[in-house]
Protein backbone atom coordinates (compact mmCIF):
# COMPACT_ATOMS: atom_id res chain seq x y z
CA MET A 1 -156.23 91.95 -32.16
CA TYR A 2 -158.98 89.49 -31.31
CA ARG A 3 -157.55 86.80 -33.57
CA ARG A 4 -154.16 87.27 -31.95
CA ILE A 5 -155.34 86.72 -28.40
CA ARG A 6 -157.05 83.53 -29.54
CA GLU A 7 -153.90 82.34 -31.32
CA LEU A 8 -151.77 83.12 -28.26
CA ARG A 9 -154.18 81.21 -26.02
CA GLU A 10 -154.27 78.22 -28.36
CA ASP A 11 -150.46 78.24 -28.71
CA ALA A 12 -150.29 77.99 -24.92
CA ASP A 13 -152.74 75.03 -25.00
CA LEU A 14 -155.21 76.84 -22.75
CA THR A 15 -158.99 76.79 -22.82
CA GLN A 16 -160.98 79.99 -22.62
CA ALA A 17 -161.96 79.03 -19.08
CA GLN A 18 -158.31 78.63 -18.07
CA MET A 19 -157.35 81.96 -19.62
CA ALA A 20 -160.30 83.62 -17.92
CA GLN A 21 -159.16 82.25 -14.57
CA ILE A 22 -155.65 83.63 -15.17
CA LEU A 23 -157.17 87.04 -15.97
CA ASN A 24 -159.63 86.84 -13.07
CA CYS A 25 -162.73 87.18 -15.24
CA SER A 26 -165.50 84.87 -16.39
CA GLN A 27 -165.18 82.58 -19.40
CA GLN A 28 -168.01 84.50 -21.08
CA VAL A 29 -166.20 87.81 -20.68
CA TYR A 30 -163.01 86.32 -22.08
CA SER A 31 -164.95 84.77 -24.97
CA ASN A 32 -166.37 88.21 -25.74
CA TYR A 33 -162.80 89.58 -25.91
CA GLU A 34 -161.84 86.92 -28.47
CA LEU A 35 -164.98 87.52 -30.52
CA GLY A 36 -164.49 91.28 -30.50
CA GLN A 37 -167.81 91.80 -28.75
CA ARG A 38 -166.20 93.57 -25.83
CA ASP A 39 -163.26 95.97 -25.74
CA ILE A 40 -160.23 94.70 -23.88
CA PRO A 41 -159.43 96.94 -20.91
CA THR A 42 -155.87 98.25 -20.72
CA ALA A 43 -155.14 96.26 -17.55
CA VAL A 44 -156.26 93.04 -19.26
CA LEU A 45 -154.19 93.86 -22.36
CA ILE A 46 -151.12 94.32 -20.18
CA ALA A 47 -151.84 91.08 -18.30
CA LEU A 48 -152.21 89.19 -21.60
CA ALA A 49 -148.92 90.59 -22.90
CA LYS A 50 -147.09 89.69 -19.70
CA TYR A 51 -148.57 86.21 -19.51
CA HIS A 52 -147.74 85.39 -23.12
CA LYS A 53 -144.36 87.14 -22.91
CA THR A 54 -145.13 89.41 -25.83
CA THR A 55 -145.92 93.08 -26.28
CA ALA A 56 -149.17 94.97 -26.26
CA ASP A 57 -148.14 96.27 -29.70
CA TYR A 58 -148.14 92.69 -31.02
CA ILE A 59 -151.56 91.97 -29.55
CA LEU A 60 -152.91 95.24 -30.96
CA GLY A 61 -151.55 94.41 -34.42
CA LEU A 62 -149.10 97.31 -34.50
CA THR A 63 -146.18 94.95 -35.10
CA ASN A 64 -145.72 91.37 -36.21
CA ARG A 65 -142.78 90.87 -33.86
CA ARG A 66 -143.66 88.67 -30.93
């Protein structure tokens, strides 16, 4: 899951700071999500899926379909 959110961010040509601003959190918090050092709250997971126009299942690794 953590690798996927990084790949999605990089595919969108966004920095961690930009993604953090979109999610209304700090860059450090977002970095911790990507590194797997902090669990991603459900609301953030939903926001990530909506922003990247994908599914939570894809982000969670339950499917490979974007």
